[in-house]
PDB file of N, CA and C in Angstrom:
ATOM      1  N   UNK A   1      -6.597  -5.320  -9.302  1.00  0.00           N
ATOM      2  CA  UNK A   1      -6.904  -4.461  -8.185  1.00  0.00           C
ATOM      3  C   UNK A   1      -8.073  -3.392  -8.274  1.00  0.00           C
ATOM      4  N   UNK A   2      -8.111  -2.970  -7.261  1.00  0.00           N
ATOM      5  CA  UNK A   2      -8.652  -2.184  -6.225  1.00  0.00           C
ATOM      6  C   UNK A   2      -8.309  -0.901  -6.292  1.00  0.00           C
ATOM      7  N   UNK A   3      -9.742  -0.191  -5.814  1.00  0.00           N
ATOM      8  CA  UNK A   3      -9.616   1.098  -5.918  1.00  0.00           C
ATOM      9  C   UNK A   3      -8.881   1.250  -4.388  1.00  0.00           C
ATOM     10  N   UNK A   4      -9.489   0.843  -3.217  1.00  0.00           N
ATOM     11  CA  UNK A   4      -8.516   1.040  -2.331  1.00  0.00           C
ATOM     12  C   UNK A   4      -7.479  -0.050  -1.139  1.00  0.00           C
ATOM     13  N   UNK A   5      -6.927  -0.728  -2.414  1.00  0.00           N
ATOM     14  CA  UNK A   5      -5.828  -1.453  -2.093  1.00  0.00           C
ATOM     15  C   UNK A   5      -5.807  -2.147  -0.582  1.00  0.00           C
ATOM     16  N   UNK A   6      -5.049  -1.890   0.129  1.00  0.00           N
ATOM     17  CA  UNK A   6      -4.865  -2.548   1.226  1.00  0.00           C
ATOM     18  C   UNK A   6      -6.254  -2.458   2.766  1.00  0.00           C
ATOM     19  N   UNK A   7      -6.981  -1.224   2.283  1.00  0.00           N
ATOM     20  CA  UNK A   7      -7.587  -1.447   2.969  1.00  0.00           C
ATOM     21  C   UNK A   7      -8.857  -2.144   3.103  1.00  0.00           C
ATOM     22  N   UNK A   8      -9.126  -2.972   1.843  1.00  0.00           N
ATOM     23  CA  UNK A   8      -9.740  -3.876   1.955  1.00  0.00           C
ATOM     24  C   UNK A   8      -9.555  -5.131   2.757  1.00  0.00           C
ATOM     25  N   UNK A   9      -8.506  -5.570   2.739  1.00  0.00           N
ATOM     26  CA  UNK A   9      -7.835  -6.648   3.229  1.00  0.00           C
ATOM     27  C   UNK A   9      -8.041  -6.042   4.839  1.00  0.00           C
ATOM     28  N   UNK A  10      -7.916  -4.678   5.428  1.00  0.00           N
ATOM     29  CA  UNK A  10      -7.950  -4.604   6.321  1.00  0.00           C
ATOM     30  C   UNK A  10      -9.150  -4.598   6.982  1.00  0.00           C
ATOM     31  N   UNK A  11     -10.187  -4.778   5.740  1.00  0.00           N
ATOM     32  CA  UNK A  11     -11.733  -4.606   6.492  1.00  0.00           C
ATOM     33  C   UNK A  11     -12.309  -5.862   6.404  1.00  0.00           C
ATOM     34  N   UNK A  12     -11.124  -6.980   5.903  1.00  0.00           N
ATOM     35  CA  UNK A  12     -12.108  -7.896   6.303  1.00  0.00           C
ATOM     36  C   UNK A  12     -11.509  -8.633   7.234  1.00  0.00           C
ATOM     37  N   UNK A  13     -10.102  -8.342   7.102  1.00  0.00           N
ATOM     38  CA  UNK A  13      -9.329  -9.137   8.767  1.00  0.00           C
ATOM     39  C   UNK A  13     -10.082  -7.958   9.708  1.00  0.00           C
ATOM     40  N   UNK A  14     -10.728  -6.344   9.896  1.00  0.00           N
ATOM     41  CA  UNK A  14     -11.591  -6.506  10.695  1.00  0.00           C
ATOM     42  C   UNK A  14     -10.786  -5.627  11.805  1.00  0.00           C
ATOM     43  N   UNK A  15      -9.702  -4.760  10.833  1.00  0.00           N
ATOM     44  CA  UNK A  15      -8.084  -3.786  11.181  1.00  0.00           C
ATOM     45  C   UNK A  15      -8.828  -2.615  11.326  1.00  0.00           C
ATOM     46  N   UNK A  16      -9.954  -1.599  10.885  1.00  0.00           N
ATOM     47  CA  UNK A  16      -9.913  -0.319  10.538  1.00  0.00           C
ATOM     48  C   UNK A  16     -10.493  -0.105  11.797  1.00  0.00           C
ATOM     49  N   UNK A  17     -10.047   1.571  11.686  1.00  0.00           N
ATOM     50  CA  UNK A  17     -11.157   1.920  13.252  1.00  0.00           C
ATOM     51  C   UNK A  17     -11.873   2.463  12.674  1.00  0.00           C
ATOM     52  N   UNK A  18     -13.137   2.858  13.669  1.00  0.00           N
ATOM     53  CA  UNK A  18     -15.026   3.164  13.212  1.00  0.00           C
ATOM     54  C   UNK A  18     -14.784   4.017  11.823  1.00  0.00           C
ATOM     55  N   UNK A  19     -13.727   5.254  12.217  1.00  0.00           N
ATOM     56  CA  UNK A  19     -13.826   6.211  10.860  1.00  0.00           C
ATOM     57  C   UNK A  19     -13.802   6.002   9.598  1.00  0.00           C
ATOM     58  N   UNK A  20     -12.437   4.922   9.599  1.00  0.00           N
ATOM     59  CA  UNK A  20     -11.996   4.112   8.447  1.00  0.00           C
ATOM     60  C   UNK A  20     -12.887   3.199   7.934  1.00  0.00           C
ATOM     61  N   UNK A  21     -13.232   2.447   8.702  1.00  0.00           N
ATOM     62  CA  UNK A  21     -14.564   1.364   7.836  1.00  0.00           C
ATOM     63  C   UNK A  21     -15.416   2.132   8.157  1.00  0.00           C
ATOM     64  N   UNK A  22     -16.287   3.027   7.928  1.00  0.00           N
ATOM     65  CA  UNK A  22     -17.500   3.718   7.731  1.00  0.00           C
ATOM     66  C   UNK A  22     -17.487   4.217   6.036  1.00  0.00           C
ATOM     67  N   UNK A  23     -15.891   5.115   5.910  1.00  0.00           N
ATOM     68  CA  UNK A  23     -15.313   5.331   4.444  1.00  0.00           C
ATOM     69  C   UNK A  23     -15.510   4.291   3.824  1.00  0.00           C
ATOM     70  N   UNK A  24     -14.157   3.680   4.496  1.00  0.00           N
ATOM     71  CA  UNK A  24     -14.334   2.528   3.687  1.00  0.00           C
ATOM     72  C   UNK A  24     -15.994   1.583   2.549  1.00  0.00           C
ATOM     73  N   UNK A  25     -16.672   1.558   3.533  1.00  0.00           N
ATOM     74  CA  UNK A  25     -18.463   0.408   3.554  1.00  0.00           C
ATOM     75  C   UNK A  25     -18.977   1.797   2.458  1.00  0.00           C
ATOM     76  N   UNK A  26     -18.735   3.514   2.354  1.00  0.00           N
ATOM     77  CA  UNK A  26     -19.515   4.440   1.467  1.00  0.00           C
ATOM     78  C   UNK A  26     -18.936   4.179   0.325  1.00  0.00           C
ATOM     79  N   UNK A  27     -17.365   3.616   0.632  1.00  0.00           N
ATOM     80  CA  UNK A  27     -16.839   3.167  -0.959  1.00  0.00           C
ATOM     81  C   UNK A  27     -17.484   2.105  -1.628  1.00  0.00           C
ATOM     82  N   UNK A  28     -17.841   1.011  -0.928  1.00  0.00           N
ATOM     83  CA  UNK A  28     -18.382  -0.078  -1.120  1.00  0.00           C
ATOM     84  C   UNK A  28     -19.550   0.643  -1.956  1.00  0.00           C
ATOM     85  N   UNK A  29     -20.095   1.282  -1.178  1.00  0.00           N
ATOM     86  CA  UNK A  29     -21.273   1.256  -1.184  1.00  0.00           C
ATOM     87  C   UNK A  29     -21.962   1.417  -3.029  1.00  0.00           C
ATOM     88  N   UNK A  30     -21.137   2.082  -3.660  1.00  0.00           N
ATOM     89  CA  UNK A  30     -20.847   3.009  -4.952  1.00  0.00           C
ATOM     90  C   UNK A  30     -20.215   2.212  -5.885  1.00  0.00           C
ATOM     91  N   UNK A  31     -18.951   0.975  -5.892  1.00  0.00           N
ATOM     92  CA  UNK A  31     -18.434  -0.070  -6.645  1.00  0.00           C
ATOM     93  C   UNK A  31     -17.745  -0.548  -6.436  1.00  0.00           C
ATOM     94  N   UNK A  32     -18.890  -1.493  -7.483  1.00  0.00           N
ATOM     95  CA  UNK A  32     -18.911  -2.631  -7.782  1.00  0.00           C
ATOM     96  C   UNK A  32     -17.569  -3.662  -7.638  1.00  0.00           C
ATOM     97  N   UNK A  33     -16.604  -3.123  -8.527  1.00  0.00           N
ATOM     98  CA  UNK A  33     -15.273  -3.434  -8.515  1.00  0.00           C
ATOM     99  C   UNK A  33     -14.795  -3.976  -7.044  1.00  0.00           C
ATOM    100  N   UNK A  34     -14.972  -2.944  -6.030  1.00  0.00           N
ATOM    101  CA  UNK A  34     -13.929  -2.868  -5.092  1.00  0.00           C
ATOM    102  C   UNK A  34     -15.369  -3.999  -3.956  1.00  0.00           C
ATOM    103  N   UNK A  35     -16.314  -4.091  -4.444  1.00  0.00           N
ATOM    104  CA  UNK A  35     -17.432  -5.129  -3.959  1.00  0.00           C
ATOM    105  C   UNK A  35     -16.987  -6.292  -4.145  1.00  0.00           C
ATOM    106  N   UNK A  36     -16.926  -6.424  -5.607  1.00  0.00           N
ATOM    107  CA  UNK A  36     -15.866  -7.674  -6.034  1.00  0.00           C
ATOM    108  C   UNK A  36     -14.714  -8.200  -5.221  1.00  0.00           C
ATOM    109  N   UNK A  37     -14.296  -7.778  -5.386  1.00  0.00           N
ATOM    110  CA  UNK A  37     -12.606  -7.612  -4.311  1.00  0.00           C
ATOM    111  C   UNK A  37     -13.158  -8.146  -2.660  1.00  0.00           C
ATOM    112  N   UNK A  38     -13.421  -7.579  -2.561  1.00  0.00           N
ATOM    113  CA  UNK A  38     -14.023  -7.921  -0.490  1.00  0.00           C
ATOM    114  C   UNK A  38     -14.758  -9.618  -0.395  1.00  0.00           C
ATOM    115  N   UNK A  39     -15.877  -9.611  -0.976  1.00  0.00           N
ATOM    116  CA  UNK A  39     -16.606 -10.927  -1.140  1.00  0.00           C
ATOM    117  C   UNK A  39     -15.803 -11.853  -2.198  1.00  0.00           C
ATOM    118  N   UNK A  40     -14.072 -11.482  -2.677  1.00  0.00           N
ATOM    119  CA  UNK A  40     -13.320 -12.840  -3.103  1.00  0.00           C
ATOM    120  C   UNK A  40     -12.533 -12.860  -2.007  1.00  0.00           C
ATOM    121  N   UNK A  41     -12.153 -11.904  -1.071  1.00  0.00           N
ATOM    122  CA  UNK A  41     -11.408 -11.851   0.096  1.00  0.00           C
ATOM    123  C   UNK A  41     -11.789 -12.528   1.376  1.00  0.00           C
ATOM    124  N   UNK A  42     -13.130 -12.706   1.480  1.00  0.00           N
ATOM    125  CA  UNK A  42     -13.858 -12.869   2.242  1.00  0.00           C
ATOM    126  C   UNK A  42     -13.763 -14.757   1.500  1.00  0.00           C
ATOM    127  N   UNK A  43     -14.258 -14.716   1.030  1.00  0.00           N
ATOM    128  CA  UNK A  43     -14.218 -16.510   0.412  1.00  0.00           C
ATOM    129  C   UNK A  43     -13.063 -16.874   0.486  1.00  0.00           C
ATOM    130  N   UNK A  44     -11.802 -16.080   0.205  1.00  0.00           N
ATOM    131  CA  UNK A  44     -10.332 -16.736   1.030  1.00  0.00           C
ATOM    132  C   UNK A  44     -10.084 -16.872   1.924  1.00  0.00           C
ATOM    133  N   UNK A  45     -10.659 -15.871   2.401  1.00  0.00           N
ATOM    134  CA  UNK A  45     -10.494 -16.371   4.505  1.00  0.00           C
ATOM    135  C   UNK A  45     -10.972 -17.499   5.002  1.00  0.00           C
ATOM    136  N   UNK A  46     -12.064 -17.599   4.420  1.00  0.00           N
ATOM    137  CA  UNK A  46     -13.505 -18.634   4.967  1.00  0.00           C
ATOM    138  C   UNK A  46     -12.376 -20.323   4.403  1.00  0.00           C
ATOM    139  N   UNK A  47     -12.212 -20.614   3.274  1.00  0.00           N
ATOM    140  CA  UNK A  47     -11.066 -21.301   2.956  1.00  0.00           C
ATOM    141  C   UNK A  47     -10.119 -21.513   4.131  1.00  0.00           C
ATOM    142  N   UNK A  48      -9.398 -20.776   3.709  1.00  0.00           N
ATOM    143  CA  UNK A  48      -7.801 -20.442   4.509  1.00  0.00           C
ATOM    144  C   UNK A  48      -8.199 -21.272   6.274  1.00  0.00           C
ATOM    145  N   UNK A  49      -9.878 -20.340   6.970  1.00  0.00           N
ATOM    146  CA  UNK A  49     -10.314 -20.442   8.103  1.00  0.00           C
ATOM    147  C   UNK A  49     -10.636 -22.053   7.760  1.00  0.00           C
ATOM    148  N   UNK A  50     -10.701 -22.829   7.067  1.00  0.00           N
ATOM    149  CA  UNK A  50     -10.805 -24.533   7.071  1.00  0.00           C
ATOM    150  C   UNK A  50     -10.166 -25.346   6.969  1.00  0.00           C
ATOM    151  N   UNK A  51      -8.607 -24.872   6.755  1.00  0.00           N
ATOM    152  CA  UNK A  51      -7.741 -25.142   6.965  1.00  0.00           C
ATOM    153  C   UNK A  51      -6.682 -25.568   7.460  1.00  0.00           C
ATOM    154  N   UNK A  52      -7.551 -24.989   9.120  1.00  0.00           N
ATOM    155  CA  UNK A  52      -7.215 -25.752  10.880  1.00  0.00           C
ATOM    156  C   UNK A  52      -7.661 -26.233  11.488  1.00  0.00           C
ATOM    157  N   UNK A  53      -8.609 -26.744  10.133  1.00  0.00           N
ATOM    158  CA  UNK A  53      -9.204 -28.439  10.982  1.00  0.00           C
ATOM    159  C   UNK A  53      -8.441 -29.279   9.937  1.00  0.00           C
ATOM    160  N   UNK A  54      -7.155 -29.701   9.514  1.00  0.00           N
ATOM    161  CA  UNK A  54      -6.766 -30.326   9.014  1.00  0.00           C
ATOM    162  C   UNK A  54      -6.006 -30.933  10.149  1.00  0.00           C
ATOM    163  N   UNK A  55      -5.646 -32.288  10.038  1.00  0.00           N
ATOM    164  CA  UNK A  55      -4.574 -32.637  10.969  1.00  0.00           C
ATOM    165  C   UNK A  55      -3.283 -32.645  10.509  1.00  0.00           C
ATOM    166  N   UNK A  56      -2.315 -31.762  11.612  1.00  0.00           N
ATOM    167  CA  UNK A  56      -1.729 -31.654  11.944  1.00  0.00           C
ATOM    168  C   UNK A  56      -0.812 -32.377  11.739  1.00  0.00           C
ATOM    169  N   UNK A  57       0.813 -32.462  10.220  1.00  0.00           N
ATOM    170  CA  UNK A  57       1.603 -32.988   9.485  1.00  0.00           C
ATOM    171  C   UNK A  57       2.106 -33.205  10.879  1.00  0.00           C
ATOM    172  N   UNK A  58       2.975 -34.304  10.817  1.00  0.00           N
ATOM    173  CA  UNK A  58       3.895 -34.800  11.442  1.00  0.00           C
ATOM    174  C   UNK A  58       6.046 -34.190  11.132  1.00  0.00           C
ATOM    175  N   UNK A  59       5.959 -33.809  10.030  1.00  0.00           N
ATOM    176  CA  UNK A  59       6.957 -33.282   9.895  1.00  0.00           C
ATOM    177  C   UNK A  59       7.526 -33.719   9.042  1.00  0.00           C
ATOM    178  N   UNK A  60       7.665 -35.852   8.915  1.00  0.00           N
ATOM    179  CA  UNK A  60       8.561 -36.744   8.388  1.00  0.00           C
ATOM    180  C   UNK A  60       8.464 -36.712   7.274  1.00  0.00           C
ATOM    181  N   UNK A  61       7.348 -36.110   6.782  1.00  0.00           N
ATOM    182  CA  UNK A  61       6.817 -36.239   5.072  1.00  0.00           C
ATOM    183  C   UNK A  61       7.573 -34.761   4.607  1.00  0.00           C
ATOM    184  N   UNK A  62       8.039 -33.871   4.796  1.00  0.00           N
ATOM    185  CA  UNK A  62       8.709 -32.311   4.631  1.00  0.00           C
ATOM    186  C   UNK A  62      10.284 -32.301   4.914  1.00  0.00           C
ATOM    187  N   UNK A  63      10.992 -33.430   4.960  1.00  0.00           N
ATOM    188  CA  UNK A  63      12.112 -33.827   4.907  1.00  0.00           C
ATOM    189  C   UNK A  63      12.375 -34.113   3.514  1.00  0.00           C
ATOM    190  N   UNK A  64      13.585 -33.913   2.694  1.00  0.00           N
ATOM    191  CA  UNK A  64      14.486 -33.859   1.436  1.00  0.00           C
ATOM    192  C   UNK A  64      14.664 -35.589   1.813  1.00  0.00           C
ATOM    193  N   UNK A  65      14.770 -36.641   0.561  1.00  0.00           N
ATOM    194  CA  UNK A  65      15.376 -37.961   0.786  1.00  0.00           C
ATOM    195  C   UNK A  65      16.427 -37.593   0.760  1.00  0.00           C
ATOM    196  N   UNK A  66      17.820 -38.983   1.433  1.00  0.00           N
ATOM    197  CA  UNK A  66      18.768 -39.091   1.228  1.00  0.00           C
ATOM    198  C   UNK A  66      19.459 -38.290  -0.414  1.00  0.00           C
ATOM    199  N   UNK A  67      18.525 -39.638  -1.424  1.00  0.00           N
ATOM    200  CA  UNK A  67      18.791 -39.685  -2.382  1.00  0.00           C
ATOM    201  C   UNK A  67      18.259 -38.021  -3.449  1.00  0.00           C
ATOM    202  N   UNK A  68      17.752 -37.442  -3.114  1.00  0.00           N
ATOM    203  CA  UNK A  68      17.842 -36.243  -3.955  1.00  0.00           C
ATOM    204  C   UNK A  68      18.417 -35.304  -3.498  1.00  0.00           C
ATOM    205  N   UNK A  69      18.886 -35.117  -1.726  1.00  0.00           N
ATOM    206  CA  UNK A  69      20.177 -34.576  -1.448  1.00  0.00           C
ATOM    207  C   UNK A  69      21.543 -34.500  -2.534  1.00  0.00           C
ATOM    208  N   UNK A  70      21.891 -36.153  -2.384  1.00  0.00           N
ATOM    209  CA  UNK A  70      22.747 -36.748  -3.275  1.00  0.00           C
ATOM    210  C   UNK A  70      22.632 -35.815  -5.180  1.00  0.00           C
ATOM    211  N   UNK A  71      21.311 -36.257  -5.227  1.00  0.00           N
ATOM    212  CA  UNK A  71      21.521 -35.941  -7.143  1.00  0.00           C
ATOM    213  C   UNK A  71      21.495 -33.551  -7.113  1.00  0.00           C
ATOM    214  N   UNK A  72      20.918 -33.304  -6.079  1.00  0.00           N
ATOM    215  CA  UNK A  72      20.875 -31.964  -5.964  1.00  0.00           C
ATOM    216  C   UNK A  72      22.522 -31.246  -5.475  1.00  0.00           C
ATOM    217  N   UNK A  73      23.224 -31.907  -5.149  1.00  0.00           N
ATOM    218  CA  UNK A  73      24.566 -31.958  -4.693  1.00  0.00           C
ATOM    219  C   UNK A  73      25.392 -32.046  -5.527  1.00  0.00           C
ATOM    220  N   UNK A  74      25.000 -33.073  -6.814  1.00  0.00           N
ATOM    221  CA  UNK A  74      25.514 -32.783  -8.323  1.00  0.00           C
ATOM    222  C   UNK A  74      25.960 -32.248  -9.323  1.00  0.00           C
ATOM    223  N   UNK A  75      24.719 -31.353  -9.248  1.00  0.00           N
ATOM    224  CA  UNK A  75      24.200 -30.744  -9.926  1.00  0.00           C
ATOM    225  C   UNK A  75      25.270 -29.753 -10.019  1.00  0.00           C
ATOM    226  N   UNK A  76      25.221 -29.196 -11.229  1.00  0.00           N
ATOM    227  CA  UNK A  76      26.326 -27.842 -11.328  1.00  0.00           C
ATOM    228  C   UNK A  76      26.245 -26.520 -11.416  1.00  0.00           C
ATOM    229  N   UNK A  77      27.176 -26.265 -10.762  1.00  0.00           N
ATOM    230  CA  UNK A  77      26.654 -24.436  -9.930  1.00  0.00           C
ATOM    231  C   UNK A  77      26.123 -24.010 -11.122  1.00  0.00           C
ATOM    232  N   UNK A  78      24.821 -22.742 -10.782  1.00  0.00           N
ATOM    233  CA  UNK A  78      24.318 -21.810 -11.852  1.00  0.00           C
ATOM    234  C   UNK A  78      25.519 -20.626 -12.306  1.00  0.00           C
ATOM    235  N   UNK A  79      25.482 -20.582 -13.473  1.00  0.00           N
ATOM    236  CA  UNK A  79      26.720 -19.191 -13.576  1.00  0.00           C
ATOM    237  C   UNK A  79      26.225 -18.244 -13.676  1.00  0.00           C
ATOM    238  N   UNK A  80      25.603 -16.947 -13.088  1.00  0.00           N
ATOM    239  CA  UNK A  80      25.255 -15.828 -12.537  1.00  0.00           C
ATOM    240  C   UNK A  80      24.616 -15.100 -14.236  1.00  0.00           C
ATOM    241  N   UNK A  81      23.791 -14.779 -14.210  1.00  0.00           N
ATOM    242  CA  UNK A  81      23.643 -14.301 -16.013  1.00  0.00           C
ATOM    243  C   UNK A  81      23.724 -12.907 -16.120  1.00  0.00           C
ATOM    244  N   UNK A  82      23.914 -12.478 -17.096  1.00  0.00           N
ATOM    245  CA  UNK A  82      24.718 -10.885 -16.888  1.00  0.00           C
ATOM    246  C   UNK A  82      22.792 -10.012 -17.255  1.00  0.00           C
ATOM    247  N   UNK A  83      22.220  -8.821 -16.673  1.00  0.00           N
ATOM    248  CA  UNK A  83      21.441  -8.182 -16.355  1.00  0.00           C
ATOM    249  C   UNK A  83      21.178  -8.092 -17.996  1.00  0.00           C
ATOM    250  N   UNK A  84      19.772  -8.470 -18.624  1.00  0.00           N
ATOM    251  CA  UNK A  84      18.778  -7.425 -19.804  1.00  0.00           C
ATOM    252  C   UNK A  84      19.054  -6.438 -19.290  1.00  0.00           C
ATOM    253  N   UNK A  85      19.223  -6.374 -21.030  1.00  0.00           N
ATOM    254  CA  UNK A  85      19.608  -4.528 -21.473  1.00  0.00           C
ATOM    255  C   UNK A  85      17.745  -4.375 -21.521  1.00  0.00           C
ATOM    256  N   UNK A  86      17.130  -3.704 -20.499  1.00  0.00           N
ATOM    257  CA  UNK A  86      15.903  -3.557 -20.107  1.00  0.00           C
ATOM    258  C   UNK A  86      15.890  -2.530 -19.878  1.00  0.00           C
ATOM    259  N   UNK A  87      15.273  -1.134 -20.956  1.00  0.00           N
ATOM    260  CA  UNK A  87      15.147   0.393 -19.720  1.00  0.00           C
ATOM    261  C   UNK A  87      14.352   0.632 -19.196  1.00  0.00           C
ATOM    262  N   UNK A  88      14.349   1.190 -17.827  1.00  0.00           N
ATOM    263  CA  UNK A  88      14.028   1.446 -16.531  1.00  0.00           C
ATOM    264  C   UNK A  88      12.236   1.585 -16.702  1.00  0.00           C
ATOM    265  N   UNK A  89      11.385   1.406 -15.681  1.00  0.00           N
ATOM    266  CA  UNK A  89      10.308   1.321 -15.831  1.00  0.00           C
ATOM    267  C   UNK A  89       9.466   2.608 -15.031  1.00  0.00           C
ATOM    268  N   UNK A  90       9.091   2.739 -15.491  1.00  0.00           N
ATOM    269  CA  UNK A  90       8.225   4.310 -14.740  1.00  0.00           C
ATOM    270  C   UNK A  90       8.474   4.284 -12.733  1.00  0.00           C
ATOM    271  N   UNK A  91       8.528   3.293 -12.264  1.00  0.00           N
ATOM    272  CA  UNK A  91       9.567   3.480 -11.117  1.00  0.00           C
ATOM    273  C   UNK A  91      10.676   3.659 -11.186  1.00  0.00           C
ATOM    274  N   UNK A  92      11.273   2.895 -12.086  1.00  0.00           N
ATOM    275  CA  UNK A  92      12.921   3.119 -10.832  1.00  0.00           C
ATOM    276  C   UNK A  92      13.536   4.313 -11.985  1.00  0.00           C
ATOM    277  N   UNK A  93      14.464   4.815 -11.306  1.00  0.00           N
ATOM    278  CA  UNK A  93      15.108   5.564 -12.176  1.00  0.00           C
ATOM    279  C   UNK A  93      16.181   5.349 -12.946  1.00  0.00           C
ATOM    280  N   UNK A  94      16.001   6.631 -13.599  1.00  0.00           N
ATOM    281  CA  UNK A  94      17.272   6.460 -15.609  1.00  0.00           C
ATOM    282  C   UNK A  94      18.886   5.871 -14.661  1.00  0.00           C
TER     283      UNK A  94
END
């Protein structure tokens, strides 16, 4: 987790205005954690960009087989489970 949260993603995606970008860059100059997060986001974005170079699928392999659908329909319906008796967390009302 970084100090600036979603603003780091916005920086990498070039979605910040000039002033906000300057503030984020000033923060990065002194925060190794956020610099590492930005570096990771940039690597991820580069990898995702490379996926667009893969050939598009024709879609026929994405459909379940008739045998799979038959077996799926034969499964018994799941019983709804009772909620666990867990005390509310800090962001949940009591």
